[in-house]
């Protein structure tokens, strides 16, 4: 099973709305997520995904700016497959197009 994330805009701007596009290689249900600072507590932002078609899910959310100038955020995605509950995460640098 694989999960891919695409964002729009790709540079992940702080304090602006970002669209998150998830694509799963197999059917899934109950897709939900949260955004949190990876290395610094910045709160937890719930992300509600909705199915667009097939195994594609979208959501929109924004995250805050950090005064340090270097902030790595983590999007944790929980979902269910026929095998049971699963979890993946994506790390990204705010105000940059670097996704990990």
PDB file of N, CA and C in Angstrom:
ATOM      1  N   UNK A   1       0.839  -1.184   0.000  1.00  0.00           N
ATOM      2  CA  UNK A   1       0.000   0.000   0.000  1.00  0.00           C
ATOM      3  C   UNK A   1       0.873   1.231   0.000  1.00  0.00           C
ATOM      4  N   UNK A   2       0.510   2.208  -0.789  1.00  0.00           N
ATOM      5  CA  UNK A   2       1.246   3.475  -0.787  1.00  0.00           C
ATOM      6  C   UNK A   2       0.256   4.633  -0.672  1.00  0.00           C
ATOM      7  N   UNK A   3       0.755   5.725  -0.115  1.00  0.00           N
ATOM      8  CA  UNK A   3      -0.030   6.946   0.044  1.00  0.00           C
ATOM      9  C   UNK A   3       0.834   8.093  -0.445  1.00  0.00           C
ATOM     10  N   UNK A   4       0.287   8.922  -1.326  1.00  0.00           N
ATOM     11  CA  UNK A   4       1.045  10.089  -1.792  1.00  0.00           C
ATOM     12  C   UNK A   4       0.295  11.363  -1.413  1.00  0.00           C
ATOM     13  N   UNK A   5       1.069  12.416  -1.177  1.00  0.00           N
ATOM     14  CA  UNK A   5       0.530  13.727  -0.812  1.00  0.00           C
ATOM     15  C   UNK A   5       1.003  14.756  -1.821  1.00  0.00           C
ATOM     16  N   UNK A   6       0.065  15.546  -2.319  1.00  0.00           N
ATOM     17  CA  UNK A   6       0.385  16.720  -3.131  1.00  0.00           C
ATOM     18  C   UNK A   6      -0.293  17.904  -2.463  1.00  0.00           C
ATOM     19  N   UNK A   7       0.348  19.067  -2.527  1.00  0.00           N
ATOM     20  CA  UNK A   7      -0.230  20.262  -1.924  1.00  0.00           C
ATOM     21  C   UNK A   7      -0.329  21.373  -2.955  1.00  0.00           C
ATOM     22  N   UNK A   8      -1.257  22.261  -2.691  1.00  0.00           N
ATOM     23  CA  UNK A   8      -1.419  23.433  -3.544  1.00  0.00           C
ATOM     24  C   UNK A   8      -1.706  24.619  -2.627  1.00  0.00           C
ATOM     25  N   UNK A   9      -0.824  25.609  -2.638  1.00  0.00           N
ATOM     26  CA  UNK A   9       0.425  25.734  -3.401  1.00  0.00           C
ATOM     27  C   UNK A   9       1.515  24.807  -2.853  1.00  0.00           C
ATOM     28  N   UNK A  10       2.494  24.505  -3.683  1.00  0.00           N
ATOM     29  CA  UNK A  10       3.541  23.556  -3.299  1.00  0.00           C
ATOM     30  C   UNK A  10       4.506  24.119  -2.269  1.00  0.00           C
ATOM     31  N   UNK A  11       4.645  25.437  -2.178  1.00  0.00           N
ATOM     32  CA  UNK A  11       5.641  26.014  -1.254  1.00  0.00           C
ATOM     33  C   UNK A  11       5.150  26.096   0.189  1.00  0.00           C
ATOM     34  N   UNK A  12       3.941  25.627   0.493  1.00  0.00           N
ATOM     35  CA  UNK A  12       3.428  25.523   1.860  1.00  0.00           C
ATOM     36  C   UNK A  12       3.559  26.830   2.648  1.00  0.00           C
ATOM     37  N   UNK A  13       2.885  27.893   2.216  1.00  0.00           N
ATOM     38  CA  UNK A  13       3.016  29.180   2.906  1.00  0.00           C
ATOM     39  C   UNK A  13       2.346  29.190   4.283  1.00  0.00           C
ATOM     40  N   UNK A  14       3.016  29.774   5.251  1.00  0.00           N
ATOM     41  CA  UNK A  14       2.448  29.938   6.593  1.00  0.00           C
ATOM     42  C   UNK A  14       1.294  30.923   6.541  1.00  0.00           C
ATOM     43  N   UNK A  15       0.297  30.681   7.372  1.00  0.00           N
ATOM     44  CA  UNK A  15      -0.853  31.569   7.553  1.00  0.00           C
ATOM     45  C   UNK A  15      -1.633  31.822   6.270  1.00  0.00           C
ATOM     46  N   UNK A  16      -1.613  30.849   5.352  1.00  0.00           N
ATOM     47  CA  UNK A  16      -2.431  30.890   4.140  1.00  0.00           C
ATOM     48  C   UNK A  16      -3.063  29.520   3.947  1.00  0.00           C
ATOM     49  N   UNK A  17      -4.225  29.489   3.285  1.00  0.00           N
ATOM     50  CA  UNK A  17      -4.913  28.227   3.066  1.00  0.00           C
ATOM     51  C   UNK A  17      -4.109  27.346   2.112  1.00  0.00           C
ATOM     52  N   UNK A  18      -3.967  26.079   2.479  1.00  0.00           N
ATOM     53  CA  UNK A  18      -3.269  25.081   1.666  1.00  0.00           C
ATOM     54  C   UNK A  18      -4.247  23.936   1.411  1.00  0.00           C
ATOM     55  N   UNK A  19      -4.283  23.438   0.181  1.00  0.00           N
ATOM     56  CA  UNK A  19      -5.091  22.268  -0.155  1.00  0.00           C
ATOM     57  C   UNK A  19      -4.198  21.040  -0.124  1.00  0.00           C
ATOM     58  N   UNK A  20      -4.667  20.012   0.551  1.00  0.00           N
ATOM     59  CA  UNK A  20      -3.935  18.750   0.693  1.00  0.00           C
ATOM     60  C   UNK A  20      -4.657  17.686  -0.122  1.00  0.00           C
ATOM     61  N   UNK A  21      -3.947  17.055  -1.065  1.00  0.00           N
ATOM     62  CA  UNK A  21      -4.506  16.013  -1.921  1.00  0.00           C
ATOM     63  C   UNK A  21      -3.827  14.694  -1.560  1.00  0.00           C
ATOM     64  N   UNK A  22      -4.597  13.722  -1.103  1.00  0.00           N
ATOM     65  CA  UNK A  22      -4.067  12.394  -0.791  1.00  0.00           C
ATOM     66  C   UNK A  22      -4.532  11.406  -1.848  1.00  0.00           C
ATOM     67  N   UNK A  23      -3.626  10.513  -2.243  1.00  0.00           N
ATOM     68  CA  UNK A  23      -3.990   9.421  -3.141  1.00  0.00           C
ATOM     69  C   UNK A  23      -3.493   8.113  -2.531  1.00  0.00           C
ATOM     70  N   UNK A  24      -4.403   7.163  -2.401  1.00  0.00           N
ATOM     71  CA  UNK A  24      -4.101   5.849  -1.841  1.00  0.00           C
ATOM     72  C   UNK A  24      -4.062   4.823  -2.965  1.00  0.00           C
ATOM     73  N   UNK A  25      -3.181   3.839  -2.848  1.00  0.00           N
ATOM     74  CA  UNK A  25      -3.060   2.812  -3.885  1.00  0.00           C
ATOM     75  C   UNK A  25      -4.132   1.730  -3.764  1.00  0.00           C
ATOM     76  N   UNK A  26      -4.790   1.642  -2.620  1.00  0.00           N
ATOM     77  CA  UNK A  26      -5.863   0.673  -2.401  1.00  0.00           C
ATOM     78  C   UNK A  26      -7.033   1.381  -1.720  1.00  0.00           C
ATOM     79  N   UNK A  27      -8.226   0.789  -1.751  1.00  0.00           N
ATOM     80  CA  UNK A  27      -9.386   1.422  -1.113  1.00  0.00           C
ATOM     81  C   UNK A  27      -9.185   1.612   0.392  1.00  0.00           C
ATOM     82  N   UNK A  28      -9.612   2.770   0.886  1.00  0.00           N
ATOM     83  CA  UNK A  28      -9.520   3.101   2.309  1.00  0.00           C
ATOM     84  C   UNK A  28     -10.811   3.777   2.757  1.00  0.00           C
ATOM     85  N   UNK A  29     -11.008   3.821   4.055  1.00  0.00           N
ATOM     86  CA  UNK A  29     -12.146   4.523   4.646  1.00  0.00           C
ATOM     87  C   UNK A  29     -11.655   5.312   5.854  1.00  0.00           C
ATOM     88  N   UNK A  30     -12.544   6.143   6.385  1.00  0.00           N
ATOM     89  CA  UNK A  30     -12.297   6.896   7.622  1.00  0.00           C
ATOM     90  C   UNK A  30     -10.967   7.658   7.604  1.00  0.00           C
ATOM     91  N   UNK A  31     -10.748   8.431   6.571  1.00  0.00           N
ATOM     92  CA  UNK A  31      -9.504   9.201   6.436  1.00  0.00           C
ATOM     93  C   UNK A  31      -9.620  10.473   7.267  1.00  0.00           C
ATOM     94  N   UNK A  32      -8.676  10.675   8.157  1.00  0.00           N
ATOM     95  CA  UNK A  32      -8.640  11.879   8.991  1.00  0.00           C
ATOM     96  C   UNK A  32      -7.185  12.198   9.301  1.00  0.00           C
ATOM     97  N   UNK A  33      -6.944  13.428   9.668  1.00  0.00           N
ATOM     98  CA  UNK A  33      -5.558  13.802   9.912  1.00  0.00           C
ATOM     99  C   UNK A  33      -5.431  14.918  10.928  1.00  0.00           C
ATOM    100  N   UNK A  34      -4.169  15.261  11.199  1.00  0.00           N
ATOM    101  CA  UNK A  34      -3.887  16.398  12.080  1.00  0.00           C
ATOM    102  C   UNK A  34      -2.529  16.967  11.691  1.00  0.00           C
ATOM    103  N   UNK A  35      -2.408  18.273  11.832  1.00  0.00           N
ATOM    104  CA  UNK A  35      -1.151  18.989  11.612  1.00  0.00           C
ATOM    105  C   UNK A  35      -0.582  19.377  12.963  1.00  0.00           C
ATOM    106  N   UNK A  36       0.709  19.101  13.153  1.00  0.00           N
ATOM    107  CA  UNK A  36       1.395  19.472  14.390  1.00  0.00           C
ATOM    108  C   UNK A  36       2.828  19.845  14.056  1.00  0.00           C
ATOM    109  N   UNK A  37       3.416  20.674  14.878  1.00  0.00           N
ATOM    110  CA  UNK A  37       4.836  20.949  14.734  1.00  0.00           C
ATOM    111  C   UNK A  37       5.628  19.685  15.026  1.00  0.00           C
ATOM    112  N   UNK A  38       6.615  19.363  14.180  1.00  0.00           N
ATOM    113  CA  UNK A  38       7.396  18.146  14.407  1.00  0.00           C
ATOM    114  C   UNK A  38       8.339  18.299  15.593  1.00  0.00           C
ATOM    115  N   UNK A  39       9.011  19.452  15.688  1.00  0.00           N
ATOM    116  CA  UNK A  39      10.035  19.659  16.711  1.00  0.00           C
ATOM    117  C   UNK A  39       9.641  20.683  17.766  1.00  0.00           C
ATOM    118  N   UNK A  40       8.518  21.349  17.567  1.00  0.00           N
ATOM    119  CA  UNK A  40       8.090  22.415  18.470  1.00  0.00           C
ATOM    120  C   UNK A  40       6.576  22.339  18.605  1.00  0.00           C
ATOM    121  N   UNK A  41       6.063  22.425  19.817  1.00  0.00           N
ATOM    122  CA  UNK A  41       4.618  22.358  19.998  1.00  0.00           C
ATOM    123  C   UNK A  41       3.974  23.639  19.489  1.00  0.00           C
ATOM    124  N   UNK A  42       3.084  23.480  18.522  1.00  0.00           N
ATOM    125  CA  UNK A  42       2.350  24.609  17.948  1.00  0.00           C
ATOM    126  C   UNK A  42       0.850  24.334  17.974  1.00  0.00           C
ATOM    127  N   UNK A  43       0.430  23.398  18.824  1.00  0.00           N
ATOM    128  CA  UNK A  43      -0.960  22.990  18.854  1.00  0.00           C
ATOM    129  C   UNK A  43      -1.204  21.861  17.866  1.00  0.00           C
ATOM    130  N   UNK A  44      -2.430  21.390  17.834  1.00  0.00           N
ATOM    131  CA  UNK A  44      -2.828  20.312  16.936  1.00  0.00           C
ATOM    132  C   UNK A  44      -4.012  20.797  16.109  1.00  0.00           C
ATOM    133  N   UNK A  45      -3.876  20.754  14.798  1.00  0.00           N
ATOM    134  CA  UNK A  45      -4.903  21.250  13.889  1.00  0.00           C
ATOM    135  C   UNK A  45      -5.578  20.050  13.234  1.00  0.00           C
ATOM    136  N   UNK A  46      -6.871  19.800  13.531  1.00  0.00           N
ATOM    137  CA  UNK A  46      -7.545  18.663  12.903  1.00  0.00           C
ATOM    138  C   UNK A  46      -7.757  18.915  11.411  1.00  0.00           C
ATOM    139  N   UNK A  47      -7.589  17.863  10.635  1.00  0.00           N
ATOM    140  CA  UNK A  47      -7.765  17.937   9.182  1.00  0.00           C
ATOM    141  C   UNK A  47      -8.850  16.939   8.796  1.00  0.00           C
ATOM    142  N   UNK A  48      -9.929  17.435   8.209  1.00  0.00           N
ATOM    143  CA  UNK A  48     -11.039  16.584   7.791  1.00  0.00           C
ATOM    144  C   UNK A  48     -10.961  16.384   6.284  1.00  0.00           C
ATOM    145  N   UNK A  49     -10.719  15.160   5.866  1.00  0.00           N
ATOM    146  CA  UNK A  49     -10.609  14.847   4.442  1.00  0.00           C
ATOM    147  C   UNK A  49     -11.955  14.376   3.907  1.00  0.00           C
ATOM    148  N   UNK A  50     -12.230  14.725   2.648  1.00  0.00           N
ATOM    149  CA  UNK A  50     -13.421  14.216   1.982  1.00  0.00           C
ATOM    150  C   UNK A  50     -13.007  13.526   0.688  1.00  0.00           C
ATOM    151  N   UNK A  51     -13.711  12.442   0.383  1.00  0.00           N
ATOM    152  CA  UNK A  51     -13.420  11.667  -0.824  1.00  0.00           C
ATOM    153  C   UNK A  51     -13.828  12.482  -2.048  1.00  0.00           C
ATOM    154  N   UNK A  52     -12.926  12.567  -3.002  1.00  0.00           N
ATOM    155  CA  UNK A  52     -13.230  13.267  -4.246  1.00  0.00           C
ATOM    156  C   UNK A  52     -13.657  12.283  -5.320  1.00  0.00           C
ATOM    157  N   UNK A  53     -12.894  11.238  -5.512  1.00  0.00           N
ATOM    158  CA  UNK A  53     -13.245  10.165  -6.437  1.00  0.00           C
ATOM    159  C   UNK A  53     -12.290   9.007  -6.190  1.00  0.00           C
ATOM    160  N   UNK A  54     -12.802   7.805  -6.299  1.00  0.00           N
ATOM    161  CA  UNK A  54     -11.944   6.638  -6.104  1.00  0.00           C
ATOM    162  C   UNK A  54     -11.188   6.699  -4.791  1.00  0.00           C
ATOM    163  N   UNK A  55      -9.869   6.655  -4.889  1.00  0.00           N
ATOM    164  CA  UNK A  55      -8.997   6.666  -3.709  1.00  0.00           C
ATOM    165  C   UNK A  55      -8.343   8.026  -3.493  1.00  0.00           C
ATOM    166  N   UNK A  56      -8.988   9.102  -3.950  1.00  0.00           N
ATOM    167  CA  UNK A  56      -8.477  10.471  -3.814  1.00  0.00           C
ATOM    168  C   UNK A  56      -9.280  11.213  -2.745  1.00  0.00           C
ATOM    169  N   UNK A  57      -8.553  11.881  -1.851  1.00  0.00           N
ATOM    170  CA  UNK A  57      -9.180  12.639  -0.770  1.00  0.00           C
ATOM    171  C   UNK A  57      -8.544  14.022  -0.703  1.00  0.00           C
ATOM    172  N   UNK A  58      -9.350  15.042  -0.391  1.00  0.00           N
ATOM    173  CA  UNK A  58      -8.863  16.416  -0.300  1.00  0.00           C
ATOM    174  C   UNK A  58      -9.280  17.048   1.020  1.00  0.00           C
ATOM    175  N   UNK A  59      -8.506  18.062   1.416  1.00  0.00           N
ATOM    176  CA  UNK A  59      -8.845  18.890   2.562  1.00  0.00           C
ATOM    177  C   UNK A  59      -8.143  20.229   2.414  1.00  0.00           C
ATOM    178  N   UNK A  60      -8.598  21.207   3.176  1.00  0.00           N
ATOM    179  CA  UNK A  60      -7.945  22.515   3.218  1.00  0.00           C
ATOM    180  C   UNK A  60      -7.695  22.888   4.666  1.00  0.00           C
ATOM    181  N   UNK A  61      -6.559  23.500   4.905  1.00  0.00           N
ATOM    182  CA  UNK A  61      -6.232  23.980   6.250  1.00  0.00           C
ATOM    183  C   UNK A  61      -5.056  24.936   6.148  1.00  0.00           C
ATOM    184  N   UNK A  62      -4.863  25.699   7.191  1.00  0.00           N
ATOM    185  CA  UNK A  62      -3.685  26.567   7.266  1.00  0.00           C
ATOM    186  C   UNK A  62      -2.988  26.343   8.595  1.00  0.00           C
ATOM    187  N   UNK A  63      -1.733  26.709   8.637  1.00  0.00           N
ATOM    188  CA  UNK A  63      -0.947  26.558   9.863  1.00  0.00           C
ATOM    189  C   UNK A  63      -0.257  27.873  10.155  1.00  0.00           C
ATOM    190  N   UNK A  64       0.126  28.058  11.401  1.00  0.00           N
ATOM    191  CA  UNK A  64       0.717  29.309  11.848  1.00  0.00           C
ATOM    192  C   UNK A  64       2.169  29.480  11.453  1.00  0.00           C
ATOM    193  N   UNK A  65       2.636  30.697  11.595  1.00  0.00           N
ATOM    194  CA  UNK A  65       4.039  31.026  11.320  1.00  0.00           C
ATOM    195  C   UNK A  65       4.852  30.848  12.600  1.00  0.00           C
ATOM    196  N   UNK A  66       6.122  30.589  12.424  1.00  0.00           N
ATOM    197  CA  UNK A  66       7.037  30.428  13.552  1.00  0.00           C
ATOM    198  C   UNK A  66       8.092  31.531  13.469  1.00  0.00           C
ATOM    199  N   UNK A  67       8.410  32.155  14.584  1.00  0.00           N
ATOM    200  CA  UNK A  67       9.372  33.258  14.562  1.00  0.00           C
ATOM    201  C   UNK A  67      10.799  32.793  14.314  1.00  0.00           C
ATOM    202  N   UNK A  68      11.048  31.481  14.439  1.00  0.00           N
ATOM    203  CA  UNK A  68      12.418  30.986  14.244  1.00  0.00           C
ATOM    204  C   UNK A  68      12.849  31.026  12.782  1.00  0.00           C
ATOM    205  N   UNK A  69      11.869  31.081  11.858  1.00  0.00           N
ATOM    206  CA  UNK A  69      12.218  31.090  10.438  1.00  0.00           C
ATOM    207  C   UNK A  69      12.444  29.707   9.868  1.00  0.00           C
ATOM    208  N   UNK A  70      12.411  28.671  10.717  1.00  0.00           N
ATOM    209  CA  UNK A  70      12.580  27.291  10.256  1.00  0.00           C
ATOM    210  C   UNK A  70      11.601  26.431  11.037  1.00  0.00           C
ATOM    211  N   UNK A  71      10.528  26.026  10.376  1.00  0.00           N
ATOM    212  CA  UNK A  71       9.488  25.261  11.069  1.00  0.00           C
ATOM    213  C   UNK A  71       9.111  24.048  10.248  1.00  0.00           C
ATOM    214  N   UNK A  72       9.309  22.866  10.825  1.00  0.00           N
ATOM    215  CA  UNK A  72       8.901  21.625  10.170  1.00  0.00           C
ATOM    216  C   UNK A  72       7.565  21.195  10.769  1.00  0.00           C
ATOM    217  N   UNK A  73       6.589  21.017   9.894  1.00  0.00           N
ATOM    218  CA  UNK A  73       5.265  20.563  10.294  1.00  0.00           C
ATOM    219  C   UNK A  73       5.112  19.096   9.931  1.00  0.00           C
ATOM    220  N   UNK A  74       4.253  18.404  10.658  1.00  0.00           N
ATOM    221  CA  UNK A  74       3.969  16.996  10.376  1.00  0.00           C
ATOM    222  C   UNK A  74       2.461  16.830  10.174  1.00  0.00           C
ATOM    223  N   UNK A  75       2.109  16.269   9.018  1.00  0.00           N
ATOM    224  CA  UNK A  75       0.732  15.878   8.751  1.00  0.00           C
ATOM    225  C   UNK A  75       0.632  14.379   9.024  1.00  0.00           C
ATOM    226  N   UNK A  76      -0.108  14.015  10.056  1.00  0.00           N
ATOM    227  CA  UNK A  76      -0.350  12.613  10.386  1.00  0.00           C
ATOM    228  C   UNK A  76      -1.714  12.235   9.825  1.00  0.00           C
ATOM    229  N   UNK A  77      -1.761  11.145   9.064  1.00  0.00           N
ATOM    230  CA  UNK A  77      -3.001  10.696   8.430  1.00  0.00           C
ATOM    231  C   UNK A  77      -3.349   9.309   8.966  1.00  0.00           C
ATOM    232  N   UNK A  78      -4.545   9.187   9.506  1.00  0.00           N
ATOM    233  CA  UNK A  78      -5.071   7.902   9.971  1.00  0.00           C
ATOM    234  C   UNK A  78      -6.170   7.463   9.014  1.00  0.00           C
ATOM    235  N   UNK A  79      -6.227   6.169   8.743  1.00  0.00           N
ATOM    236  CA  UNK A  79      -7.234   5.633   7.825  1.00  0.00           C
ATOM    237  C   UNK A  79      -7.400   4.147   8.100  1.00  0.00           C
ATOM    238  N   UNK A  80      -8.416   3.564   7.477  1.00  0.00           N
ATOM    239  CA  UNK A  80      -8.657   2.138   7.655  1.00  0.00           C
ATOM    240  C   UNK A  80      -8.644   1.430   6.312  1.00  0.00           C
ATOM    241  N   UNK A  81      -8.066   0.224   6.312  1.00  0.00           N
ATOM    242  CA  UNK A  81      -8.067  -0.663   5.151  1.00  0.00           C
ATOM    243  C   UNK A  81      -8.735  -1.967   5.578  1.00  0.00           C
ATOM    244  N   UNK A  82      -8.804  -2.914   4.661  1.00  0.00           N
ATOM    245  CA  UNK A  82      -9.346  -4.231   5.022  1.00  0.00           C
ATOM    246  C   UNK A  82      -8.512  -4.878   6.119  1.00  0.00           C
ATOM    247  N   UNK A  83      -7.243  -4.512   6.215  1.00  0.00           N
ATOM    248  CA  UNK A  83      -6.343  -5.077   7.230  1.00  0.00           C
ATOM    249  C   UNK A  83      -6.510  -4.425   8.600  1.00  0.00           C
ATOM    250  N   UNK A  84      -7.218  -3.289   8.666  1.00  0.00           N
ATOM    251  CA  UNK A  84      -7.405  -2.595   9.932  1.00  0.00           C
ATOM    252  C   UNK A  84      -6.874  -1.174   9.889  1.00  0.00           C
ATOM    253  N   UNK A  85      -6.774  -0.512  11.054  1.00  0.00           N
ATOM    254  CA  UNK A  85      -6.313   0.877  11.119  1.00  0.00           C
ATOM    255  C   UNK A  85      -4.856   1.015  10.668  1.00  0.00           C
ATOM    256  N   UNK A  86      -4.572   2.113   9.966  1.00  0.00           N
ATOM    257  CA  UNK A  86      -3.227   2.407   9.471  1.00  0.00           C
ATOM    258  C   UNK A  86      -2.910   3.874   9.776  1.00  0.00           C
ATOM    259  N   UNK A  87      -1.616   4.206   9.743  1.00  0.00           N
ATOM    260  CA  UNK A  87      -1.186   5.592   9.953  1.00  0.00           C
ATOM    261  C   UNK A  87       0.063   5.859   9.123  1.00  0.00           C
ATOM    262  N   UNK A  88       0.089   7.033   8.493  1.00  0.00           N
ATOM    263  CA  UNK A  88       1.288   7.510   7.800  1.00  0.00           C
ATOM    264  C   UNK A  88       1.488   8.969   8.193  1.00  0.00           C
ATOM    265  N   UNK A  89       2.688   9.478   7.979  1.00  0.00           N
ATOM    266  CA  UNK A  89       2.901  10.902   8.218  1.00  0.00           C
ATOM    267  C   UNK A  89       3.799  11.481   7.137  1.00  0.00           C
ATOM    268  N   UNK A  90       3.634  12.783   6.943  1.00  0.00           N
ATOM    269  CA  UNK A  90       4.415  13.554   5.981  1.00  0.00           C
ATOM    270  C   UNK A  90       4.983  14.760   6.711  1.00  0.00           C
ATOM    271  N   UNK A  91       6.279  14.987   6.611  1.00  0.00           N
ATOM    272  CA  UNK A  91       6.926  16.169   7.178  1.00  0.00           C
ATOM    273  C   UNK A  91       7.184  17.168   6.064  1.00  0.00           C
ATOM    274  N   UNK A  92       6.998  18.446   6.354  1.00  0.00           N
ATOM    275  CA  UNK A  92       7.295  19.475   5.362  1.00  0.00           C
ATOM    276  C   UNK A  92       7.791  20.737   6.050  1.00  0.00           C
ATOM    277  N   UNK A  93       8.644  21.427   5.353  1.00  0.00           N
ATOM    278  CA  UNK A  93       9.205  22.686   5.824  1.00  0.00           C
ATOM    279  C   UNK A  93       8.274  23.816   5.407  1.00  0.00           C
ATOM    280  N   UNK A  94       7.817  24.617   6.364  1.00  0.00           N
ATOM    281  CA  UNK A  94       6.936  25.738   6.056  1.00  0.00           C
ATOM    282  C   UNK A  94       7.642  26.732   5.146  1.00  0.00           C
ATOM    283  N   UNK A  95       6.865  27.354   4.277  1.00  0.00           N
ATOM    284  CA  UNK A  95       7.361  28.379   3.356  1.00  0.00           C
ATOM    285  C   UNK A  95       8.448  27.827   2.440  1.00  0.00           C
ATOM    286  N   UNK A  96       8.291  26.581   2.022  1.00  0.00           N
ATOM    287  CA  UNK A  96       9.260  25.904   1.165  1.00  0.00           C
ATOM    288  C   UNK A  96       8.529  24.810   0.399  1.00  0.00           C
ATOM    289  N   UNK A  97       9.106  24.349  -0.711  1.00  0.00           N
ATOM    290  CA  UNK A  97       8.498  23.242  -1.445  1.00  0.00           C
ATOM    291  C   UNK A  97       9.172  21.916  -1.103  1.00  0.00           C
ATOM    292  N   UNK A  98       9.825  21.843   0.056  1.00  0.00           N
ATOM    293  CA  UNK A  98      10.514  20.621   0.485  1.00  0.00           C
ATOM    294  C   UNK A  98       9.585  19.754   1.325  1.00  0.00           C
ATOM    295  N   UNK A  99       9.130  18.636   0.744  1.00  0.00           N
ATOM    296  CA  UNK A  99       8.312  17.647   1.445  1.00  0.00           C
ATOM    297  C   UNK A  99       9.184  16.440   1.727  1.00  0.00           C
ATOM    298  N   UNK A 100       9.002  15.837   2.884  1.00  0.00           N
ATOM    299  CA  UNK A 100       9.793  14.651   3.249  1.00  0.00           C
ATOM    300  C   UNK A 100       8.892  13.449   3.397  1.00  0.00           C
TER     301      UNK A 100
END
